[in-house]
C-alpha atoms as a PDB file:
ATOM      1  CA  MET A   1       4.320  81.254  44.416  1.00  0.00           C
ATOM      2  CA  PRO A   2       6.747  78.513  44.976  1.00  0.00           C
ATOM      3  CA  GLY A   3       7.144  75.913  42.504  1.00  0.00           C
ATOM      4  CA  LYS A   4       6.698  73.186  44.584  1.00  0.00           C
ATOM      5  CA  ALA A   5       3.893  70.618  44.001  1.00  0.00           C
ATOM      6  CA  PRO A   6       1.146  69.491  46.414  1.00  0.00           C
ATOM      7  CA  ARG A   7       3.390  67.458  49.525  1.00  0.00           C
ATOM      8  CA  LEU A   8       0.110  67.227  51.818  1.00  0.00           C
ATOM      9  CA  GLU A   9      -3.253  66.310  51.662  1.00  0.00           C
ATOM     10  CA  LEU A  10      -6.274  67.501  53.491  1.00  0.00           C
ATOM     11  CA  SER A  11      -9.510  65.502  53.562  1.00  0.00           C
ATOM     12  CA  ARG A  12     -12.160  67.838  53.970  1.00  0.00           C
ATOM     13  CA  GLU A  13     -12.498  67.082  57.502  1.00  0.00           C
ATOM     14  CA  GLN A  14      -9.467  68.058  58.448  1.00  0.00           C
ATOM     15  CA  ILE A  15      -9.898  71.619  56.276  1.00  0.00           C
ATOM     16  CA  LEU A  16     -13.636  71.690  57.976  1.00  0.00           C
ATOM     17  CA  GLY A  17     -12.153  71.055  61.440  1.00  0.00           C
ATOM     18  CA  PHE A  18      -9.432  73.395  61.038  1.00  0.00           C
ATOM     19  CA  ARG A  19     -12.006  76.184  60.058  1.00  0.00           C
ATOM     20  CA  ARG A  20     -14.281  74.957  63.302  1.00  0.00           C
ATOM     21  CA  GLU A  21     -11.095  75.196  64.968  1.00  0.00           C
ATOM     22  CA  ALA A  22      -9.343  78.512  63.733  1.00  0.00           C
ATOM     23  CA  GLY A  23     -12.414  80.644  63.764  1.00  0.00           C
ATOM     24  CA  SER A  24     -13.054  79.645  67.868  1.00  0.00           C
ATOM     25  CA  LEU A  25     -16.690  77.723  66.614  1.00  0.00           C
ATOM     26  CA  ASN A  26     -15.793  74.666  68.607  1.00  0.00           C
ATOM     27  CA  GLU A  27     -15.661  76.532  72.013  1.00  0.00           C
ATOM     28  CA  ARG A  28     -16.496  79.819  73.227  1.00  0.00           C
ATOM     29  CA  LEU A  29     -13.343  82.190  73.989  1.00  0.00           C
ATOM     30  CA  PRO A  30     -13.640  83.927  77.626  1.00  0.00           C
ATOM     31  CA  ALA A  31     -14.775  87.720  77.313  1.00  0.00           C
ATOM     32  CA  SER A  32     -11.853  89.809  76.721  1.00  0.00           C
ATOM     33  CA  ALA A  33     -10.717  92.399  73.848  1.00  0.00           C
ATOM     34  CA  LYS A  34      -7.842  89.711  73.102  1.00  0.00           C
ATOM     35  CA  SER A  35     -11.260  86.736  72.408  1.00  0.00           C
ATOM     36  CA  ARG A  36     -13.121  90.455  70.506  1.00  0.00           C
ATOM     37  CA  ARG A  37     -10.208  90.990  67.929  1.00  0.00           C
ATOM     38  CA  LEU A  38      -9.458  87.186  67.457  1.00  0.00           C
ATOM     39  CA  ALA A  39     -13.052  86.602  66.691  1.00  0.00           C
ATOM     40  CA  ALA A  40     -12.495  88.813  64.039  1.00  0.00           C
ATOM     41  CA  TRP A  41      -9.453  87.945  62.700  1.00  0.00           C
ATOM     42  CA  GLY A  42     -11.211  87.818  59.401  1.00  0.00           C
ATOM     43  CA  GLY A  43     -13.593  90.529  60.240  1.00  0.00           C
ATOM     44  CA  LEU A  44     -17.062  90.412  61.057  1.00  0.00           C
ATOM     45  CA  GLN A  45     -19.018  90.886  58.130  1.00  0.00           C
ATOM     46  CA  ASP A  46     -22.395  93.690  59.568  1.00  0.00           C
ATOM     47  CA  SER A  47     -24.509  94.282  56.702  1.00  0.00           C
ATOM     48  CA  MET A  48     -27.150  92.503  57.948  1.00  0.00           C
ATOM     49  CA  PRO A  49     -28.503  94.325  61.132  1.00  0.00           C
ATOM     50  CA  ARG A  50     -26.463  92.538  63.985  1.00  0.00           C
ATOM     51  CA  ALA A  51     -24.258  90.124  62.252  1.00  0.00           C
ATOM     52  CA  ALA A  52     -21.297  91.097  63.680  1.00  0.00           C
ATOM     53  CA  LEU A  53     -22.433  90.676  67.291  1.00  0.00           C
ATOM     54  CA  LEU A  54     -24.443  87.963  66.606  1.00  0.00           C
ATOM     55  CA  SER A  55     -20.975  86.480  64.754  1.00  0.00           C
ATOM     56  CA  MET A  56     -18.772  87.603  68.538  1.00  0.00           C
ATOM     57  CA  HIS A  57     -21.798  85.109  70.251  1.00  0.00           C
ATOM     58  CA  ALA A  58     -21.115  82.637  68.450  1.00  0.00           C
ATOM     59  CA  ARG A  59     -17.255  82.882  69.802  1.00  0.00           C
ATOM     60  CA  ILE A  60     -16.965  85.133  72.494  1.00  0.00           C
ATOM     61  CA  LYS A  61     -18.666  83.754  76.155  1.00  0.00           C
ATOM     62  CA  GLY A  62     -21.515  86.086  77.148  1.00  0.00           C
ATOM     63  CA  CYS A  63     -21.599  88.328  74.375  1.00  0.00           C
ATOM     64  CA  GLU A  64     -24.450  91.704  76.201  1.00  0.00           C
ATOM     65  CA  SER A  65     -26.769  93.475  72.565  1.00  0.00           C
ATOM     66  CA  ASN A  66     -24.069  95.710  73.437  1.00  0.00           C
ATOM     67  CA  ASP A  67     -20.580  94.563  72.097  1.00  0.00           C
ATOM     68  CA  TRP A  68     -20.252  95.684  69.038  1.00  0.00           C
ATOM     69  CA  GLU A  69     -19.973  99.172  70.361  1.00  0.00           C
ATOM     70  CA  ASP A  70     -17.109  98.076  72.343  1.00  0.00           C
ATOM     71  CA  ALA A  71     -13.975 100.318  72.540  1.00  0.00           C
ATOM     72  CA  SER A  72     -12.343  98.048  71.205  1.00  0.00           C
ATOM     73  CA  LEU A  73     -13.675  97.881  67.877  1.00  0.00           C
ATOM     74  CA  VAL A  74     -14.474  99.879  64.641  1.00  0.00           C
ATOM     75  CA  GLN A  75     -16.442  99.739  61.981  1.00  0.00           C
ATOM     76  CA  LEU A  76     -16.627 100.704  58.102  1.00  0.00           C
ATOM     77  CA  TRP A  77     -16.527  99.052  55.455  1.00  0.00           C
ATOM     78  CA  GLY A  78     -14.247  95.808  54.204  1.00  0.00           C
ATOM     79  CA  PRO A  79     -13.823  93.600  51.583  1.00  0.00           C
ATOM     80  CA  ARG A  80     -16.391  94.505  48.502  1.00  0.00           C
ATOM     81  CA  PHE A  81     -17.806  97.900  50.633  1.00  0.00           C
ATOM     82  CA  ASN A  82     -19.760  95.536  52.728  1.00  0.00           C
ATOM     83  CA  VAL A  83     -20.043  97.107  56.594  1.00  0.00           C
ATOM     84  CA  TYR A  84     -17.475  94.860  58.878  1.00  0.00           C
ATOM     85  CA  VAL A  85     -16.263  94.944  62.038  1.00  0.00           C
ATOM     86  CA  VAL A  86     -13.457  94.711  62.878  1.00  0.00           C
ATOM     87  CA  ALA A  87     -11.003  95.350  66.050  1.00  0.00           C
ATOM     88  CA  ALA A  88      -9.285  98.668  65.941  1.00  0.00           C
ATOM     89  CA  LYS A  89      -5.817  97.432  65.932  1.00  0.00           C
ATOM     90  CA  ASP A  90      -6.210  95.837  62.451  1.00  0.00           C
ATOM     91  CA  LEU A  91      -7.772  98.725  60.806  1.00  0.00           C
ATOM     92  CA  PRO A  92      -5.090  99.502  58.570  1.00  0.00           C
ATOM     93  CA  VAL A  93      -5.135  94.978  57.264  1.00  0.00           C
ATOM     94  CA  PHE A  94      -9.195  95.768  56.696  1.00  0.00           C
ATOM     95  CA  SER A  95      -8.899  99.298  55.220  1.00  0.00           C
ATOM     96  CA  LEU A  96      -5.103  99.950  53.368  1.00  0.00           C
ATOM     97  CA  GLY A  97      -4.643  96.499  52.785  1.00  0.00           C
ATOM     98  CA  ARG A  98      -7.277  96.555  49.928  1.00  0.00           C
ATOM     99  CA  LEU A  99      -6.306 100.176  48.247  1.00  0.00           C
ATOM    100  CA  PRO A 100      -6.395  99.437  44.998  1.00  0.00           C
ATOM    101  CA  ASP A 101      -3.045  99.633  42.752  1.00  0.00           C
ATOM    102  CA  ASN A 102      -3.804 101.617  40.199  1.00  0.00           C
ATOM    103  CA  THR A 103      -3.194 105.296  39.980  1.00  0.00           C
ATOM    104  CA  ARG A 104      -6.506 106.015  38.752  1.00  0.00           C
ATOM    105  CA  GLY A 105      -8.235 103.920  41.878  1.00  0.00           C
ATOM    106  CA  ARG A 106      -5.966 105.556  44.578  1.00  0.00           C
ATOM    107  CA  GLU A 107      -6.571 109.078  43.225  1.00  0.00           C
ATOM    108  CA  ARG A 108     -10.119 108.575  43.590  1.00  0.00           C
ATOM    109  CA  ALA A 109     -10.055 107.166  46.460  1.00  0.00           C
ATOM    110  CA  TYR A 110      -7.542 110.084  48.569  1.00  0.00           C
ATOM    111  CA  ASP A 111      -9.501 112.524  46.217  1.00  0.00           C
ATOM    112  CA  THR A 112     -12.422 110.931  48.090  1.00  0.00           C
ATOM    113  CA  ALA A 113     -11.210 111.104  51.773  1.00  0.00           C
ATOM    114  CA  SER A 114     -10.117 114.291  51.900  1.00  0.00           C
ATOM    115  CA  ARG A 115     -13.426 116.474  51.056  1.00  0.00           C
ATOM    116  CA  LEU A 116     -14.971 113.710  52.615  1.00  0.00           C
ATOM    117  CA  LYS A 117     -12.724 114.900  55.783  1.00  0.00           C
ATOM    118  CA  ALA A 118     -12.857 118.595  55.138  1.00  0.00           C
ATOM    119  CA  LEU A 119     -16.034 119.262  54.780  1.00  0.00           C
ATOM    120  CA  LEU A 120     -16.427 116.744  58.770  1.00  0.00           C
ATOM    121  CA  ASP A 121     -13.915 118.507  59.794  1.00  0.00           C
ATOM    122  CA  ASP A 122     -14.096 116.769  63.937  1.00  0.00           C
ATOM    123  CA  ARG A 123     -18.106 116.237  63.285  1.00  0.00           C
ATOM    124  CA  ARG A 124     -20.250 113.198  62.373  1.00  0.00           C
ATOM    125  CA  MET A 125     -23.290 113.021  60.054  1.00  0.00           C
ATOM    126  CA  PRO A 126     -24.964 110.761  57.998  1.00  0.00           C
ATOM    127  CA  MET A 127     -23.733 109.406  55.182  1.00  0.00           C
ATOM    128  CA  ASN A 128     -26.141 110.547  53.103  1.00  0.00           C
ATOM    129  CA  GLN A 129     -26.624 113.694  53.827  1.00  0.00           C
ATOM    130  CA  ALA A 130     -22.153 113.797  54.035  1.00  0.00           C
ATOM    131  CA  GLY A 131     -22.781 112.448  50.111  1.00  0.00           C
ATOM    132  CA  LYS A 132     -25.689 114.688  49.151  1.00  0.00           C
ATOM    133  CA  THR A 133     -22.557 118.020  50.177  1.00  0.00           C
ATOM    134  CA  MET A 134     -20.153 116.341  48.263  1.00  0.00           C
ATOM    135  CA  GLY A 135     -22.630 116.389  45.640  1.00  0.00           C
ATOM    136  CA  GLY A 136     -22.563 113.270  44.297  1.00  0.00           C
ATOM    137  CA  HIS A 137     -24.187 110.032  45.489  1.00  0.00           C
ATOM    138  CA  PRO A 138     -23.640 109.011  48.734  1.00  0.00           C
ATOM    139  CA  ASN A 139     -22.412 104.991  48.296  1.00  0.00           C
ATOM    140  CA  SER A 140     -19.350 106.641  46.641  1.00  0.00           C
ATOM    141  CA  LEU A 141     -18.247 107.760  49.531  1.00  0.00           C
ATOM    142  CA  ARG A 142     -17.277 103.852  50.085  1.00  0.00           C
ATOM    143  CA  TYR A 143     -14.227 104.793  47.791  1.00  0.00           C
ATOM    144  CA  ALA A 144     -12.789 106.274  50.706  1.00  0.00           C
ATOM    145  CA  ALA A 145     -12.282 103.372  52.681  1.00  0.00           C
ATOM    146  CA  PRO A 146      -9.856 102.042  52.128  1.00  0.00           C
ATOM    147  CA  THR A 147      -7.522 105.484  53.013  1.00  0.00           C
ATOM    148  CA  GLY A 148      -8.670 103.319  57.285  1.00  0.00           C
ATOM    149  CA  THR A 149      -9.667 107.072  57.382  1.00  0.00           C
ATOM    150  CA  VAL A 150     -12.783 106.599  57.086  1.00  0.00           C
ATOM    151  CA  LEU A 151     -15.304 104.784  60.216  1.00  0.00           C
ATOM    152  CA  LEU A 152     -19.005 104.523  60.197  1.00  0.00           C
ATOM    153  CA  ARG A 153     -21.669 103.979  63.395  1.00  0.00           C
ATOM    154  CA  TRP A 154     -24.361 102.248  61.789  1.00  0.00           C
ATOM    155  CA  ASP A 155     -27.075 100.820  64.188  1.00  0.00           C
ATOM    156  CA  SER A 156     -28.805  99.637  61.103  1.00  0.00           C
ATOM    157  CA  ALA A 157     -31.958 101.240  61.996  1.00  0.00           C
ATOM    158  CA  HIS A 158     -30.681 104.760  61.029  1.00  0.00           C
ATOM    159  CA  ASP A 159     -28.622 105.714  58.234  1.00  0.00           C
ATOM    160  CA  ALA A 160     -24.834 105.408  58.769  1.00  0.00           C
ATOM    161  CA  VAL A 161     -23.587 107.838  60.616  1.00  0.00           C
ATOM    162  CA  VAL A 162     -19.975 109.087  59.201  1.00  0.00           C
ATOM    163  CA  ARG A 163     -16.512 110.629  60.160  1.00  0.00           C
ATOM    164  CA  SER A 164     -13.079 111.020  59.781  1.00  0.00           C
ATOM    165  CA  GLY A 165     -10.115 109.238  61.204  1.00  0.00           C
ATOM    166  CA  PRO A 166      -6.339 110.360  60.995  1.00  0.00           C
ATOM    167  CA  PRO A 167      -4.190 108.013  58.741  1.00  0.00           C
ATOM    168  CA  PRO A 168      -3.175 104.505  59.811  1.00  0.00           C
ATOM    169  CA  ASN A 169       0.433 104.322  60.693  1.00  0.00           C
ATOM    170  CA  MET A 170       0.804 100.959  57.828  1.00  0.00           C
ATOM    171  CA  GLU A 171       2.414 100.403  54.556  1.00  0.00           C
ATOM    172  CA  PRO A 172      -0.414  99.414  52.163  1.00  0.00           C
ATOM    173  CA  GLN A 173       2.290  96.415  51.020  1.00  0.00           C
ATOM    174  CA  ASP A 174       2.325  95.510  54.926  1.00  0.00           C
ATOM    175  CA  ALA A 175      -1.016  95.336  54.798  1.00  0.00           C
ATOM    176  CA  ARG A 176      -1.780  93.535  52.158  1.00  0.00           C
ATOM    177  CA  LEU A 177       0.007  90.221  53.108  1.00  0.00           C
ATOM    178  CA  GLU A 178      -1.590  90.552  56.684  1.00  0.00           C
ATOM    179  CA  LEU A 179      -4.742  90.453  54.614  1.00  0.00           C
ATOM    180  CA  ALA A 180      -3.653  87.299  52.887  1.00  0.00           C
ATOM    181  CA  ARG A 181      -2.037  85.987  56.119  1.00  0.00           C
ATOM    182  CA  ARG A 182      -6.508  86.065  58.142  1.00  0.00           C
ATOM    183  CA  HIS A 183      -7.975  85.254  55.085  1.00  0.00           C
ATOM    184  CA  LEU A 184      -5.791  82.077  54.702  1.00  0.00           C
ATOM    185  CA  HIS A 185      -5.960  81.672  58.826  1.00  0.00           C
ATOM    186  CA  VAL A 186     -10.319  81.371  57.870  1.00  0.00           C
ATOM    187  CA  PHE A 187     -10.323  80.578  55.053  1.00  0.00           C
ATOM    188  CA  GLY A 188      -7.962  78.234  54.092  1.00  0.00           C
ATOM    189  CA  PRO A 189      -6.184  76.344  52.679  1.00  0.00           C
ATOM    190  CA  SER A 190      -7.297  79.246  49.732  1.00  0.00           C
ATOM    191  CA  THR A 191      -6.429  80.258  46.549  1.00  0.00           C
ATOM    192  CA  VAL A 192      -5.484  83.803  44.916  1.00  0.00           C
ATOM    193  CA  PRO A 193      -9.013  83.745  43.275  1.00  0.00           C
ATOM    194  CA  SER A 194     -10.806  83.002  46.068  1.00  0.00           C
ATOM    195  CA  PHE A 195      -8.815  86.010  48.037  1.00  0.00           C
ATOM    196  CA  ALA A 196      -9.132  88.199  45.336  1.00  0.00           C
ATOM    197  CA  GLY A 197     -13.163  87.615  45.975  1.00  0.00           C
ATOM    198  CA  TRP A 198     -13.501  87.942  49.447  1.00  0.00           C
ATOM    199  CA  ALA A 199     -10.953  91.019  49.484  1.00  0.00           C
ATOM    200  CA  GLY A 200     -12.760  92.269  46.292  1.00  0.00           C
ATOM    201  CA  ILE A 201      -9.028  93.379  44.515  1.00  0.00           C
ATOM    202  CA  GLY A 202      -8.046  92.483  41.526  1.00  0.00           C
ATOM    203  CA  ASN A 203      -6.171  89.422  40.493  1.00  0.00           C
ATOM    204  CA  SER A 204      -3.265  90.936  40.006  1.00  0.00           C
ATOM    205  CA  GLU A 205      -3.066  92.775  43.653  1.00  0.00           C
ATOM    206  CA  ALA A 206      -3.727  88.609  44.918  1.00  0.00           C
ATOM    207  CA  THR A 207      -1.557  87.252  42.404  1.00  0.00           C
ATOM    208  CA  ALA A 208       1.340  89.499  43.835  1.00  0.00           C
ATOM    209  CA  ALA A 209       0.530  89.112  47.810  1.00  0.00           C
ATOM    210  CA  PHE A 210       0.950  85.830  47.488  1.00  0.00           C
ATOM    211  CA  ASN A 211       4.339  85.170  46.065  1.00  0.00           C
ATOM    212  CA  GLY A 212       5.023  88.171  48.541  1.00  0.00           C
ATOM    213  CA  LEU A 213       4.376  85.845  51.545  1.00  0.00           C
ATOM    214  CA  GLY A 214       6.292  83.343  49.279  1.00  0.00           C
ATOM    215  CA  GLY A 215       8.114  80.468  51.592  1.00  0.00           C
ATOM    216  CA  GLU A 216       5.111  81.384  54.556  1.00  0.00           C
ATOM    217  CA  LEU A 217       2.734  79.127  52.277  1.00  0.00           C
ATOM    218  CA  VAL A 218       2.377  75.696  52.065  1.00  0.00           C
ATOM    219  CA  PRO A 219       0.689  73.881  48.982  1.00  0.00           C
ATOM    220  CA  VAL A 220      -1.851  71.198  49.683  1.00  0.00           C
ATOM    221  CA  ARG A 221      -4.481  69.363  47.914  1.00  0.00           C
ATOM    222  CA  THR A 222      -7.695  69.172  48.438  1.00  0.00           C
ATOM    223  CA  PRO A 223     -10.658  67.297  47.542  1.00  0.00           C
ATOM    224  CA  ILE A 224     -11.762  70.699  45.472  1.00  0.00           C
ATOM    225  CA  GLY A 225      -8.484  71.074  43.807  1.00  0.00           C
ATOM    226  CA  ASP A 226      -4.648  72.373  44.818  1.00  0.00           C
ATOM    227  CA  SER A 227      -5.203  75.656  47.413  1.00  0.00           C
ATOM    228  CA  TRP A 228      -2.476  76.937  49.709  1.00  0.00           C
ATOM    229  CA  ILE A 229      -2.103  77.109  53.299  1.00  0.00           C
ATOM    230  CA  LEU A 230      -0.089  79.165  55.691  1.00  0.00           C
ATOM    231  CA  ALA A 231       2.949  77.383  56.782  1.00  0.00           C
ATOM    232  CA  ASP A 232       1.861  78.226  60.921  1.00  0.00           C
ATOM    233  CA  ASP A 233      -1.020  76.574  60.280  1.00  0.00           C
ATOM    234  CA  GLU A 234       0.799  73.516  58.697  1.00  0.00           C
ATOM    235  CA  ALA A 235       0.969  71.577  62.151  1.00  0.00           C
ATOM    236  CA  ALA A 236      -3.054  71.907  63.071  1.00  0.00           C
ATOM    237  CA  PHE A 237      -3.620  70.986  59.773  1.00  0.00           C
ATOM    238  CA  ARG A 238      -1.989  68.371  60.914  1.00  0.00           C
ATOM    239  CA  GLU A 239      -2.796  67.631  64.578  1.00  0.00           C
ATOM    240  CA  ILE A 240      -7.086  68.335  63.675  1.00  0.00           C
ATOM    241  CA  SER A 241      -7.942  65.287  64.672  1.00  0.00           C
ATOM    242  CA  THR A 242      -7.185  65.037  68.255  1.00  0.00           C
ATOM    243  CA  SER A 243      -8.657  68.962  68.605  1.00  0.00           C
ATOM    244  CA  LYS A 244     -11.757  70.073  70.841  1.00  0.00           C
ATOM    245  CA  PRO A 245     -14.858  67.916  69.424  1.00  0.00           C
ATOM    246  CA  ALA A 246     -17.289  70.401  67.484  1.00  0.00           C
ATOM    247  CA  ALA A 247     -19.887  72.740  69.104  1.00  0.00           C
ATOM    248  CA  PRO A 248     -23.623  70.577  69.574  1.00  0.00           C
ATOM    249  CA  ALA A 249     -24.974  73.887  67.717  1.00  0.00           C
ATOM    250  CA  ARG A 250     -23.740  77.352  66.732  1.00  0.00           C
ATOM    251  CA  PHE A 251     -26.360  79.491  65.099  1.00  0.00           C
ATOM    252  CA  LEU A 252     -24.112  82.035  62.453  1.00  0.00           C
ATOM    253  CA  PRO A 253     -25.547  85.311  60.926  1.00  0.00           C
ATOM    254  CA  SER A 254     -25.793  85.781  57.424  1.00  0.00           C
ATOM    255  CA  GLY A 255     -22.576  86.872  55.968  1.00  0.00           C
ATOM    256  CA  ASP A 256     -20.784  84.688  58.882  1.00  0.00           C
ATOM    257  CA  ALA A 257     -17.100  83.886  57.737  1.00  0.00           C
ATOM    258  CA  TYR A 258     -17.492  80.655  57.375  1.00  0.00           C
ATOM    259  CA  TYR A 259     -19.164  80.231  55.091  1.00  0.00           C
ATOM    260  CA  LEU A 260     -18.068  83.738  53.729  1.00  0.00           C
ATOM    261  CA  LEU A 261     -17.793  81.542  49.946  1.00  0.00           C
ATOM    262  CA  TRP A 262     -18.004  81.712  46.954  1.00  0.00           C
ATOM    263  CA  GLY A 263     -17.405  79.200  43.574  1.00  0.00           C
ATOM    264  CA  GLN A 264     -15.845  75.655  44.431  1.00  0.00           C
ATOM    265  CA  ASP A 265     -15.103  76.155  47.269  1.00  0.00           C
ATOM    266  CA  ARG A 266     -18.552  76.070  48.822  1.00  0.00           C
ATOM    267  CA  GLU A 267     -18.902  72.290  47.452  1.00  0.00           C
ATOM    268  CA  LEU A 268     -16.305  71.850  50.364  1.00  0.00           C
ATOM    269  CA  LEU A 269     -18.515  72.829  52.691  1.00  0.00           C
ATOM    270  CA  VAL A 270     -21.984  72.054  51.454  1.00  0.00           C
ATOM    271  CA  PRO A 271     -21.913  68.620  49.673  1.00  0.00           C
ATOM    272  CA  ASP A 272     -25.291  68.731  48.286  1.00  0.00           C
ATOM    273  CA  ALA A 273     -26.475  71.379  45.322  1.00  0.00           C
ATOM    274  CA  LYS A 274     -30.135  71.671  46.373  1.00  0.00           C
ATOM    275  CA  ARG A 275     -29.003  72.768  50.215  1.00  0.00           C
ATOM    276  CA  ARG A 276     -26.328  75.356  48.320  1.00  0.00           C
ATOM    277  CA  ALA A 277     -28.894  76.881  46.647  1.00  0.00           C
ATOM    278  CA  GLU A 278     -31.245  76.948  50.466  1.00  0.00           C
ATOM    279  CA  LEU A 279     -27.973  78.722  51.800  1.00  0.00           C
ATOM    280  CA  TRP A 280     -26.358  80.831  49.435  1.00  0.00           C
ATOM    281  CA  THR A 281     -29.825  82.186  48.092  1.00  0.00           C
ATOM    282  CA  THR A 282     -29.747  84.548  45.076  1.00  0.00           C
ATOM    283  CA  ARG A 283     -30.791  87.593  47.329  1.00  0.00           C
ATOM    284  CA  VAL A 284     -30.187  88.219  50.750  1.00  0.00           C
ATOM    285  CA  TRP A 285     -28.688  84.560  51.846  1.00  0.00           C
ATOM    286  CA  PRO A 286     -29.951  83.199  55.714  1.00  0.00           C
ATOM    287  CA  GLY A 287     -28.252  82.161  58.572  1.00  0.00           C
ATOM    288  CA  ALA A 288     -26.659  78.966  58.970  1.00  0.00           C
ATOM    289  CA  LEU A 289     -27.541  75.686  61.333  1.00  0.00           C
ATOM    290  CA  LEU A 290     -24.114  74.685  62.737  1.00  0.00           C
ATOM    291  CA  VAL A 291     -24.881  71.077  64.963  1.00  0.00           C
ATOM    292  CA  ASN A 292     -21.930  68.705  66.094  1.00  0.00           C
ATOM    293  CA  GLY A 293     -19.500  70.595  63.115  1.00  0.00           C
ATOM    294  CA  GLU A 294     -21.872  70.536  60.290  1.00  0.00           C
ATOM    295  CA  ILE A 295     -24.516  72.364  58.874  1.00  0.00           C
ATOM    296  CA  ALA A 296     -27.539  71.507  58.886  1.00  0.00           C
ATOM    297  CA  GLY A 297     -30.374  74.314  58.121  1.00  0.00           C
ATOM    298  CA  VAL A 298     -30.792  77.822  57.697  1.00  0.00           C
ATOM    299  CA  TRP A 299     -32.704  79.711  59.981  1.00  0.00           C
ATOM    300  CA  ARG A 300     -34.209  83.086  59.882  1.00  0.00           C
ATOM    301  CA  ARG A 301     -35.202  85.961  62.649  1.00  0.00           C
ATOM    302  CA  SER A 302     -38.362  87.373  62.863  1.00  0.00           C
ATOM    303  CA  GLY A 303     -38.735  89.303  66.247  1.00  0.00           C
ATOM    304  CA  THR A 304     -39.091  86.819  68.798  1.00  0.00           C
ATOM    305  CA  LYS A 305     -39.218  84.273  66.341  1.00  0.00           C
ATOM    306  CA  VAL A 306     -36.643  81.888  65.186  1.00  0.00           C
ATOM    307  CA  SER A 307     -37.568  80.261  62.086  1.00  0.00           C
ATOM    308  CA  ILE A 308     -35.186  76.661  61.759  1.00  0.00           C
ATOM    309  CA  ASP A 309     -35.482  74.329  58.617  1.00  0.00           C
ATOM    310  CA  THR A 310     -33.133  71.439  59.338  1.00  0.00           C
ATOM    311  CA  TRP A 311     -31.716  69.916  56.512  1.00  0.00           C
ATOM    312  CA  ARG A 312     -31.749  66.215  58.790  1.00  0.00           C
ATOM    313  CA  ARG A 313     -33.822  65.479  61.534  1.00  0.00           C
ATOM    314  CA  LEU A 314     -31.999  66.939  64.384  1.00  0.00           C
ATOM    315  CA  SER A 315     -32.059  64.177  67.392  1.00  0.00           C
ATOM    316  CA  PRO A 316     -33.684  65.292  70.836  1.00  0.00           C
ATOM    317  CA  PRO A 317     -30.038  66.351  72.608  1.00  0.00           C
ATOM    318  CA  GLU A 318     -29.702  68.224  69.230  1.00  0.00           C
ATOM    319  CA  TRP A 319     -33.020  70.616  69.724  1.00  0.00           C
ATOM    320  CA  GLU A 320     -32.267  70.865  73.296  1.00  0.00           C
ATOM    321  CA  ALA A 321     -28.775  71.926  72.293  1.00  0.00           C
ATOM    322  CA  VAL A 322     -30.347  74.587  69.415  1.00  0.00           C
ATOM    323  CA  GLU A 323     -33.563  75.955  71.671  1.00  0.00           C
ATOM    324  CA  ALA A 324     -30.577  76.785  74.252  1.00  0.00           C
ATOM    325  CA  GLU A 325     -28.662  78.219  71.686  1.00  0.00           C
ATOM    326  CA  ALA A 326     -31.428  80.561  69.901  1.00  0.00           C
ATOM    327  CA  ALA A 327     -32.257  81.512  74.034  1.00  0.00           C
ATOM    328  CA  ALA A 328     -29.575  83.080  74.510  1.00  0.00           C
ATOM    329  CA  LEU A 329     -29.085  85.157  70.853  1.00  0.00           C
ATOM    330  CA  PRO A 330     -28.088  88.380  72.826  1.00  0.00           C
ATOM    331  CA  LEU A 331     -29.730  91.048  70.272  1.00  0.00           C
ATOM    332  CA  PRO A 332     -32.457  93.731  71.453  1.00  0.00           C
ATOM    333  CA  GLY A 333     -35.690  92.851  72.977  1.00  0.00           C
ATOM    334  CA  LEU A 334     -35.468  89.221  72.611  1.00  0.00           C
ATOM    335  CA  ASN A 335     -34.734  88.950  76.999  1.00  0.00           C
ATOM    336  CA  GLY A 336     -34.922  85.247  75.919  1.00  0.00           C
ATOM    337  CA  GLU A 337     -37.995  84.813  75.314  1.00  0.00           C
ATOM    338  CA  THR A 338     -37.604  83.600  71.946  1.00  0.00           C
ATOM    339  CA  ARG A 339     -39.464  81.143  70.333  1.00  0.00           C
ATOM    340  CA  LEU A 340     -38.651  78.635  67.546  1.00  0.00           C
ATOM    341  CA  ARG A 341     -41.302  78.198  64.905  1.00  0.00           C
ATOM    342  CA  LEU A 342     -41.678  74.255  63.589  1.00  0.00           C
ATOM    343  CA  VAL A 343     -39.116  72.061  62.109  1.00  0.00           C
ATOM    344  CA  ARG A 344     -39.560  71.049  58.941  1.00  0.00           C
ATOM    345  CA  GLU A 345     -36.967  68.806  57.012  1.00  0.00           C
ATOM    346  CA  LYS A 346     -36.978  69.140  53.509  1.00  0.00           C
END
């Protein structure tokens, strides 16, 4: 990476404002294939039931319960082998971009993919059945995901169904560079370790990607240390004070890109250590309640009941916005019947 000293100082407000704007969280996008791709620019984690759909709903107008199945989207094992929904056009980025550089890792990926293709041919098969038929643990099929030839269909209620597709038409190195660009745009400012942790790749591979971007990177200083942003994003960071106001309320599901963070990166988003422990639990993360640009609590859902634990007292207009968002969640079976449990402040 270029050896320049950081020359752009970024405040917490600038950073979070940029991330909200880049993540389409200030104002919802019109419903379209282009908007779905923008909403999934950093991938939509879908390891929790219909998390990708709720992430889309937070960013796109008029989302319906089956929008995650749109033909413009595909489902795969993405970063850290979590289930992801991404734009079909971006399949190479989120698969080949994670292909191991070492020979052993690549051989394992392509060997598993080849054996799975031979088993399936043009068929689809439940993951557990396919894994057992191949003589291994079903989870071993995930090692084939970085080849870009393994796709999923998981509705959260049944075993994931796998199928084989054609090899993506992209060089792995180009895919890795684009994956780094996506990370920097969605999570920036960022660092090599943060990119490696998010993508589930080695530090050497992440370092090579940042080195490969070269002049596309700009060094910056943030409240938690020195980082990098994309040169293409520098103007937006400088002008963030003139951007659109934050949305009144958004329900972000477990694993949403806005708070898919680790280590020091979490301190910037949630400065209070006690609140960080409530959001990033040691088990399944709850959803994050975003109110006027700040995380104001956590939420969980059971059937038609949405339980919210707020971190501060919400004003009547804020509470009204929260209720409207909860009632609009596009989940099957809700039909506008969402009920909110009494908020408790801690």
